[in-house]
N, C-alpha and C. Protein backbone atom coordinates (compact mmCIF):
# COMPACT_ATOMS: atom_id res chain seq x y z
N MET A 1 -7.43 42.96 27.47
CA MET A 1 -8.26 42.66 28.65
C MET A 1 -8.80 44.01 29.35
N ASP A 2 -8.38 45.03 28.75
CA ASP A 2 -8.92 46.29 29.29
C ASP A 2 -10.48 46.37 29.03
N GLU A 3 -10.84 45.82 28.05
CA GLU A 3 -12.37 45.95 27.68
C GLU A 3 -13.31 44.91 28.45
N VAL A 4 -12.68 43.91 28.93
CA VAL A 4 -13.56 42.72 29.47
C VAL A 4 -14.49 43.11 30.53
N LEU A 5 -14.00 43.88 31.45
CA LEU A 5 -14.68 44.30 32.59
C LEU A 5 -15.92 45.28 32.04
N GLU A 6 -15.74 46.02 30.96
CA GLU A 6 -16.74 46.85 30.41
C GLU A 6 -17.74 45.95 29.60
N VAL A 7 -17.36 44.78 29.12
CA VAL A 7 -18.25 43.85 28.43
C VAL A 7 -19.27 43.29 29.39
N LEU A 8 -18.65 42.85 30.43
CA LEU A 8 -19.70 42.26 31.60
C LEU A 8 -20.53 43.29 32.03
N GLU A 9 -19.97 44.54 32.35
CA GLU A 9 -20.87 45.62 32.95
C GLU A 9 -22.05 45.95 31.89
N GLY A 10 -21.60 45.91 30.64
CA GLY A 10 -22.52 46.16 29.41
C GLY A 10 -23.60 45.11 29.35
N GLU A 11 -23.13 43.82 29.50
CA GLU A 11 -24.12 42.82 29.50
C GLU A 11 -25.29 42.95 30.78
N LEU A 12 -24.65 43.31 31.76
CA LEU A 12 -25.53 43.44 33.02
C LEU A 12 -26.35 44.63 32.88
N GLY A 13 -25.96 45.67 32.13
CA GLY A 13 -26.67 46.97 32.07
C GLY A 13 -27.78 46.77 31.11
N THR A 14 -27.52 46.08 30.06
CA THR A 14 -28.50 46.06 28.95
C THR A 14 -29.60 44.92 29.15
N ALA A 15 -29.43 44.22 30.30
CA ALA A 15 -30.37 43.08 30.63
C ALA A 15 -31.44 43.62 31.35
N ALA A 16 -31.47 45.06 31.70
CA ALA A 16 -32.66 45.54 32.26
C ALA A 16 -32.95 44.76 33.50
N LEU A 17 -32.00 44.70 34.28
CA LEU A 17 -32.30 43.86 35.69
C LEU A 17 -32.95 44.92 36.85
N VAL A 18 -34.08 44.77 36.81
CA VAL A 18 -35.03 45.46 37.90
C VAL A 18 -35.24 44.64 39.07
N GLY A 19 -34.53 44.70 40.35
CA GLY A 19 -34.82 44.00 41.28
C GLY A 19 -34.49 42.63 40.84
N PRO A 20 -33.15 42.45 40.45
CA PRO A 20 -32.78 41.25 39.91
C PRO A 20 -32.61 39.89 40.90
N VAL A 21 -32.90 38.89 40.56
CA VAL A 21 -32.76 37.75 41.32
C VAL A 21 -31.61 36.96 40.84
N THR A 22 -31.11 36.16 41.64
CA THR A 22 -29.84 35.52 41.37
C THR A 22 -29.91 34.67 40.03
N GLU A 23 -30.92 34.09 39.56
CA GLU A 23 -31.20 33.33 38.32
C GLU A 23 -30.82 34.42 37.19
N ASP A 24 -31.39 35.72 37.25
CA ASP A 24 -31.31 36.51 36.14
C ASP A 24 -30.02 36.91 35.89
N VAL A 25 -29.01 37.16 36.91
CA VAL A 25 -27.61 37.39 36.91
C VAL A 25 -26.87 36.38 36.28
N TRP A 26 -27.23 35.09 36.78
CA TRP A 26 -26.64 33.94 36.18
C TRP A 26 -26.65 33.73 34.77
N PHE A 27 -27.84 33.94 34.27
CA PHE A 27 -28.07 33.95 32.75
C PHE A 27 -27.22 34.87 31.96
N VAL A 28 -27.02 36.08 32.67
CA VAL A 28 -26.34 37.17 32.03
C VAL A 28 -24.93 36.68 32.03
N PHE A 29 -24.46 36.16 33.19
CA PHE A 29 -23.06 35.73 33.37
C PHE A 29 -22.78 34.64 32.36
N LEU A 30 -23.67 33.72 32.12
CA LEU A 30 -23.37 32.71 31.14
C LEU A 30 -23.28 33.41 29.74
N ARG A 31 -24.14 34.33 29.36
CA ARG A 31 -23.89 34.95 28.20
C ARG A 31 -22.63 35.35 27.89
N PHE A 32 -22.06 36.06 28.95
CA PHE A 32 -20.73 36.67 29.00
C PHE A 32 -19.68 35.60 28.97
N GLY A 33 -20.00 34.33 29.61
CA GLY A 33 -18.90 33.32 29.41
C GLY A 33 -19.01 32.60 28.17
N ARG A 34 -19.86 32.97 27.36
CA ARG A 34 -20.00 32.34 25.83
C ARG A 34 -19.12 33.20 24.96
N ARG A 35 -18.95 34.50 25.30
CA ARG A 35 -18.20 35.36 24.39
C ARG A 35 -16.77 34.95 24.32
N SER A 36 -16.31 35.13 23.03
CA SER A 36 -14.84 34.77 22.78
C SER A 36 -13.99 35.95 22.85
N PHE A 37 -12.82 35.70 23.19
CA PHE A 37 -11.84 36.79 23.42
C PHE A 37 -10.46 36.29 22.81
N HIS A 38 -9.56 37.07 22.21
CA HIS A 38 -8.44 36.64 21.79
C HIS A 38 -7.36 36.37 22.97
N LEU A 39 -7.06 34.87 23.09
CA LEU A 39 -6.31 34.46 24.27
C LEU A 39 -5.27 33.41 23.58
N SER A 40 -4.57 32.91 24.52
CA SER A 40 -3.46 31.84 24.35
C SER A 40 -4.22 30.70 24.05
N ASP A 41 -3.59 29.69 23.49
CA ASP A 41 -4.20 28.37 23.27
C ASP A 41 -4.00 27.39 24.58
N ALA A 42 -3.56 27.76 25.59
CA ALA A 42 -3.31 27.10 26.74
C ALA A 42 -4.80 26.48 27.31
N PRO A 43 -4.87 25.34 27.93
CA PRO A 43 -6.09 24.56 28.25
C PRO A 43 -6.71 25.57 29.48
N ASP A 44 -5.94 26.23 30.29
CA ASP A 44 -6.52 27.17 31.24
C ASP A 44 -6.37 28.62 30.97
N ALA A 45 -6.54 28.97 29.75
CA ALA A 45 -6.49 30.27 29.28
C ALA A 45 -7.73 31.18 29.73
N ASP A 46 -8.78 30.46 29.62
CA ASP A 46 -10.20 30.91 29.79
C ASP A 46 -11.13 30.03 30.58
N GLY A 47 -11.28 30.63 31.89
CA GLY A 47 -12.08 29.79 32.74
C GLY A 47 -13.15 30.42 33.49
N LEU A 48 -14.14 29.79 34.05
CA LEU A 48 -15.27 30.39 34.62
C LEU A 48 -15.07 29.67 36.05
N LEU A 49 -15.56 30.38 37.00
CA LEU A 49 -15.44 30.05 38.47
C LEU A 49 -16.84 30.29 38.94
N TYR A 50 -17.50 29.36 39.61
CA TYR A 50 -18.75 29.61 40.37
C TYR A 50 -18.49 29.31 41.71
N GLN A 51 -18.51 30.12 42.72
CA GLN A 51 -18.12 29.88 44.20
C GLN A 51 -19.03 30.63 45.07
N TYR A 52 -19.31 29.94 46.10
CA TYR A 52 -20.29 30.61 47.10
C TYR A 52 -19.73 30.12 48.54
N GLY A 53 -20.11 31.06 49.50
CA GLY A 53 -19.88 30.83 50.98
C GLY A 53 -20.07 31.93 51.66
N THR A 54 -19.96 31.99 52.97
CA THR A 54 -19.91 33.07 53.85
C THR A 54 -18.61 33.72 54.17
N TYR A 55 -18.48 34.92 53.76
CA TYR A 55 -16.97 35.47 53.76
C TYR A 55 -17.16 36.92 54.51
N ALA A 56 -15.96 37.42 54.88
CA ALA A 56 -15.86 38.58 55.59
C ALA A 56 -14.63 39.36 55.10
N PHE A 57 -14.46 39.47 53.74
CA PHE A 57 -13.14 39.97 53.15
C PHE A 57 -12.85 41.50 53.49
N ASP A 58 -13.98 42.28 53.02
CA ASP A 58 -13.91 43.72 53.31
C ASP A 58 -15.15 44.36 53.93
N SER A 59 -15.88 43.39 54.55
CA SER A 59 -17.24 43.87 55.15
C SER A 59 -17.46 42.89 56.28
N PRO A 60 -18.57 43.06 57.13
CA PRO A 60 -19.06 42.08 57.93
C PRO A 60 -19.50 40.85 57.11
N PRO A 61 -19.37 39.61 57.95
CA PRO A 61 -19.76 38.51 57.10
C PRO A 61 -21.10 38.46 56.34
N THR A 62 -20.89 37.87 55.29
CA THR A 62 -22.13 37.93 54.29
C THR A 62 -22.04 36.64 53.54
N PHE A 63 -23.20 36.20 53.13
CA PHE A 63 -23.17 35.03 52.07
C PHE A 63 -23.01 35.65 50.70
N THR A 64 -22.07 35.31 49.81
CA THR A 64 -21.54 35.62 48.63
C THR A 64 -21.57 34.64 47.82
N LEU A 65 -22.34 34.91 46.52
CA LEU A 65 -22.01 34.04 45.36
C LEU A 65 -21.19 34.87 44.30
N ASP A 66 -20.02 34.24 43.99
CA ASP A 66 -18.99 35.14 43.12
C ASP A 66 -18.87 34.22 41.91
N LEU A 67 -19.35 34.95 40.88
CA LEU A 67 -19.14 34.39 39.40
C LEU A 67 -18.00 35.06 38.87
N VAL A 68 -17.01 34.16 38.37
CA VAL A 68 -15.65 34.83 37.87
C VAL A 68 -15.45 34.29 36.60
N ARG A 69 -14.85 35.05 35.64
CA ARG A 69 -14.33 34.75 34.61
C ARG A 69 -12.90 34.94 34.53
N GLN A 70 -11.99 34.13 34.29
CA GLN A 70 -10.55 34.18 34.44
C GLN A 70 -9.76 33.99 33.06
N PHE A 71 -8.89 34.91 32.85
CA PHE A 71 -8.26 34.91 31.66
C PHE A 71 -6.69 34.93 31.82
N GLU A 72 -6.00 34.00 31.08
CA GLU A 72 -4.45 34.02 31.12
C GLU A 72 -4.00 35.05 30.25
N VAL A 73 -2.96 35.83 30.82
CA VAL A 73 -2.36 37.09 30.00
C VAL A 73 -0.83 36.55 29.92
N THR A 74 -0.56 36.55 28.56
CA THR A 74 0.94 36.04 28.34
C THR A 74 1.91 37.14 27.89
N ASP A 75 3.03 36.97 28.21
CA ASP A 75 4.09 38.07 27.83
C ASP A 75 4.50 37.79 26.34
N ASN A 76 5.45 38.86 25.68
CA ASN A 76 5.61 38.90 24.30
C ASN A 76 6.16 37.48 23.71
N SER A 77 6.53 36.67 24.67
CA SER A 77 7.08 35.31 24.13
C SER A 77 6.15 34.31 24.18
N GLY A 78 4.87 34.61 24.67
CA GLY A 78 3.90 33.66 24.61
C GLY A 78 3.77 32.94 26.08
N ASP A 79 4.57 33.30 26.83
CA ASP A 79 4.66 32.58 28.22
C ASP A 79 3.76 33.33 29.20
N HIS A 80 3.31 32.46 30.16
CA HIS A 80 2.33 33.01 31.22
C HIS A 80 2.78 34.01 32.05
N ASP A 81 2.22 35.16 32.22
CA ASP A 81 2.50 36.31 32.88
C ASP A 81 1.79 36.42 34.05
N HIS A 82 0.65 36.39 33.87
CA HIS A 82 -0.54 36.43 35.00
C HIS A 82 -1.94 36.24 34.52
N TYR A 83 -2.77 36.19 35.66
CA TYR A 83 -4.14 36.10 35.35
C TYR A 83 -4.91 37.28 35.46
N VAL A 84 -5.94 37.52 34.79
CA VAL A 84 -6.99 38.58 35.11
C VAL A 84 -8.36 37.86 35.21
N GLN A 85 -8.81 38.49 36.52
CA GLN A 85 -10.19 37.84 37.00
C GLN A 85 -11.31 38.91 36.97
N VAL A 86 -12.31 38.65 36.31
CA VAL A 86 -13.52 39.69 36.29
C VAL A 86 -14.68 38.94 37.18
N HIS A 87 -14.88 39.67 38.29
CA HIS A 87 -15.98 39.12 39.27
C HIS A 87 -17.30 39.86 39.11
N CYS A 88 -18.21 38.93 39.31
CA CYS A 88 -19.63 39.40 39.42
C CYS A 88 -19.99 38.76 40.78
N GLU A 89 -20.09 39.61 41.73
CA GLU A 89 -20.21 39.45 43.25
C GLU A 89 -21.46 39.67 43.70
N LEU A 90 -22.30 38.63 44.04
CA LEU A 90 -23.60 38.94 44.60
C LEU A 90 -23.67 38.56 46.23
N ARG A 91 -23.91 39.62 46.88
CA ARG A 91 -24.15 39.49 48.34
C ARG A 91 -25.45 39.58 48.93
N TYR A 92 -25.64 38.72 49.94
CA TYR A 92 -26.94 38.50 50.39
C TYR A 92 -27.42 38.80 51.98
N GLY A 93 -26.24 39.03 52.59
CA GLY A 93 -26.52 39.19 54.04
C GLY A 93 -26.52 37.81 54.54
N LEU A 94 -26.77 37.71 55.85
CA LEU A 94 -26.83 36.31 56.45
C LEU A 94 -28.22 35.85 56.88
N ALA A 95 -28.28 34.59 56.67
CA ALA A 95 -29.42 33.77 57.08
C ALA A 95 -29.29 32.43 57.22
N PRO A 96 -29.55 31.80 58.27
CA PRO A 96 -29.43 30.35 58.52
C PRO A 96 -29.42 29.44 57.29
N ALA A 97 -30.45 29.64 56.50
CA ALA A 97 -30.50 28.72 55.34
C ALA A 97 -29.31 28.99 54.41
N LEU A 98 -28.82 30.16 54.26
CA LEU A 98 -27.61 30.41 53.38
C LEU A 98 -26.33 30.08 54.17
N GLU A 99 -26.28 30.23 55.46
CA GLU A 99 -24.96 29.56 56.15
C GLU A 99 -24.95 28.26 56.25
N ALA A 100 -26.09 27.50 56.04
CA ALA A 100 -26.31 26.06 56.03
C ALA A 100 -25.63 25.53 54.88
N LEU A 101 -25.60 26.27 53.75
CA LEU A 101 -25.05 25.87 52.43
C LEU A 101 -23.53 25.68 52.51
N GLY A 102 -22.89 26.06 53.56
CA GLY A 102 -21.56 26.04 53.51
C GLY A 102 -20.75 26.82 52.44
N SER A 103 -19.67 26.19 51.84
CA SER A 103 -19.00 26.75 50.81
C SER A 103 -18.72 25.75 49.65
N PHE A 104 -18.59 26.26 48.55
CA PHE A 104 -18.52 25.36 47.18
C PHE A 104 -17.79 26.11 46.07
N ASN A 105 -17.07 25.47 45.28
CA ASN A 105 -16.64 26.05 44.06
C ASN A 105 -16.43 25.10 42.99
N SER A 106 -16.59 25.50 41.72
CA SER A 106 -16.66 24.56 40.54
C SER A 106 -15.98 25.49 39.41
N TRP A 107 -14.87 24.86 38.69
CA TRP A 107 -14.40 25.61 37.60
C TRP A 107 -14.71 24.91 36.28
N PHE A 108 -14.77 25.79 35.29
CA PHE A 108 -14.99 25.23 33.93
C PHE A 108 -13.91 26.03 33.09
N PHE A 109 -13.22 25.33 32.11
CA PHE A 109 -12.35 25.91 31.33
C PHE A 109 -12.62 25.80 29.74
N HIS A 110 -12.84 26.80 29.11
CA HIS A 110 -12.87 26.57 27.52
C HIS A 110 -11.83 25.75 26.84
N GLY A 111 -12.05 24.86 26.22
CA GLY A 111 -10.90 24.20 25.32
C GLY A 111 -10.10 23.37 26.12
N ALA A 112 -10.71 22.90 27.38
CA ALA A 112 -9.84 21.94 28.11
C ALA A 112 -10.41 20.47 27.89
N GLY A 113 -11.41 20.18 27.06
CA GLY A 113 -11.93 19.05 26.87
C GLY A 113 -13.04 18.73 27.91
N GLY A 114 -13.66 17.60 28.09
CA GLY A 114 -14.62 17.27 29.00
C GLY A 114 -15.98 17.94 28.87
N ASP A 115 -16.52 18.27 29.80
CA ASP A 115 -17.89 18.78 29.79
C ASP A 115 -17.80 20.19 28.97
N ASP A 116 -19.14 20.56 28.27
CA ASP A 116 -19.13 21.82 27.72
C ASP A 116 -19.67 22.78 28.56
N LEU A 117 -19.77 24.10 28.29
CA LEU A 117 -20.40 25.10 29.12
C LEU A 117 -21.79 24.86 29.61
N GLU A 118 -22.51 24.51 28.76
CA GLU A 118 -23.94 24.20 28.96
C GLU A 118 -24.05 23.07 30.05
N GLU A 119 -23.28 21.91 29.90
CA GLU A 119 -23.18 20.84 30.94
C GLU A 119 -22.90 21.44 32.22
N TRP A 120 -21.83 22.06 32.31
CA TRP A 120 -21.29 22.51 33.43
C TRP A 120 -22.38 23.44 34.38
N ALA A 121 -23.04 24.26 33.41
CA ALA A 121 -23.94 25.21 34.06
C ALA A 121 -25.15 24.46 34.45
N HIS A 122 -25.56 23.50 33.76
CA HIS A 122 -26.82 22.66 34.29
C HIS A 122 -26.38 21.71 35.51
N GLY A 123 -25.26 21.38 35.48
CA GLY A 123 -24.95 20.57 36.73
C GLY A 123 -24.86 21.45 38.10
N LEU A 124 -24.45 22.62 37.76
CA LEU A 124 -24.45 23.62 38.88
C LEU A 124 -26.01 23.95 39.46
N THR A 125 -26.82 24.14 38.58
CA THR A 125 -28.19 24.40 38.87
C THR A 125 -29.04 23.03 39.34
N GLU A 126 -28.52 22.01 39.13
CA GLU A 126 -29.00 20.80 39.88
C GLU A 126 -28.74 20.61 41.07
N ARG A 127 -27.79 21.46 41.72
CA ARG A 127 -27.25 21.20 43.12
C ARG A 127 -28.44 21.74 44.09
N PRO A 128 -28.54 21.16 45.07
CA PRO A 128 -29.66 21.65 46.27
C PRO A 128 -29.50 23.11 46.44
N ALA A 129 -28.21 23.65 46.54
CA ALA A 129 -28.04 25.04 46.94
C ALA A 129 -28.66 26.00 45.90
N TRP A 130 -28.78 25.58 44.66
CA TRP A 130 -29.27 26.50 43.61
C TRP A 130 -30.73 26.70 44.09
N THR A 131 -31.59 25.69 44.51
CA THR A 131 -33.03 25.80 44.83
C THR A 131 -33.10 26.96 45.79
N VAL A 132 -31.97 27.06 46.90
CA VAL A 132 -32.16 27.98 47.92
C VAL A 132 -31.95 29.41 47.35
N ILE A 133 -30.89 29.57 46.49
CA ILE A 133 -30.33 31.03 45.96
C ILE A 133 -31.01 31.37 44.73
N ARG A 134 -31.54 30.73 43.84
CA ARG A 134 -31.80 31.06 42.47
C ARG A 134 -33.03 32.29 42.63
N ARG A 135 -33.76 32.34 43.42
CA ARG A 135 -34.91 33.21 43.35
C ARG A 135 -34.66 34.40 44.45
N LEU A 136 -33.44 34.47 45.16
CA LEU A 136 -33.10 35.44 45.99
C LEU A 136 -32.56 36.68 45.22
N GLU A 137 -32.88 37.87 46.01
CA GLU A 137 -32.42 39.10 45.32
C GLU A 137 -31.44 39.63 46.25
N PRO A 138 -30.10 39.65 45.67
CA PRO A 138 -28.91 40.15 46.30
C PRO A 138 -29.24 41.57 46.81
N VAL A 139 -28.52 41.85 48.07
CA VAL A 139 -28.76 43.24 48.63
C VAL A 139 -27.63 44.02 47.96
N GLU A 140 -26.62 43.37 47.27
CA GLU A 140 -25.61 44.21 46.55
C GLU A 140 -25.11 43.29 45.34
N ILE A 141 -24.67 43.96 44.29
CA ILE A 141 -24.06 43.24 43.25
C ILE A 141 -22.84 44.11 42.85
N ARG A 142 -21.58 43.59 42.97
CA ARG A 142 -20.26 44.16 42.78
C ARG A 142 -19.69 43.39 41.69
N VAL A 143 -19.31 44.31 40.60
CA VAL A 143 -18.57 43.89 39.55
C VAL A 143 -17.16 44.55 39.45
N TYR A 144 -16.15 43.83 39.52
CA TYR A 144 -14.78 44.45 39.46
C TYR A 144 -13.68 43.46 38.83
N GLN A 145 -12.61 43.87 38.51
CA GLN A 145 -11.50 43.22 37.81
C GLN A 145 -10.48 43.12 38.76
N GLU A 146 -9.55 42.17 38.69
CA GLU A 146 -8.42 42.11 39.47
C GLU A 146 -7.27 41.17 38.70
N GLN A 147 -5.95 41.35 38.92
CA GLN A 147 -4.93 40.67 38.44
C GLN A 147 -4.43 39.75 39.51
N VAL A 148 -4.32 38.52 39.32
CA VAL A 148 -3.85 37.49 40.22
C VAL A 148 -2.69 36.75 39.72
């Protein structure tokens, strides 16, 4: 798990994102989401989360799109120990059109059956909110990892 954050940072760095718009970062995140890592066989061991809303966690309120990859970490016996989440957080400031989107989240888990990653991603880009945010240039992109 130590290398996962570096992998995402590397993907973002090699994409030559100059004045990136949301859609550019989304494609990089999906490429990162397709990468395989050695994990347990549990159906929720490797998940992607797409979530947005207006939040004020560590700063003034701002509209945030948070793209997350979550990995289950097991102990030596193979039992669940904790999760590691790698975030690619895009912050936009506040605008009435963004605040009007409210909040939303959607999970995808590799190996859990159901939709594949491409179907999940396509469904998200078909949502009306995508029309509003896809061409926006975030004022900040924050990449970090946390244990949950």
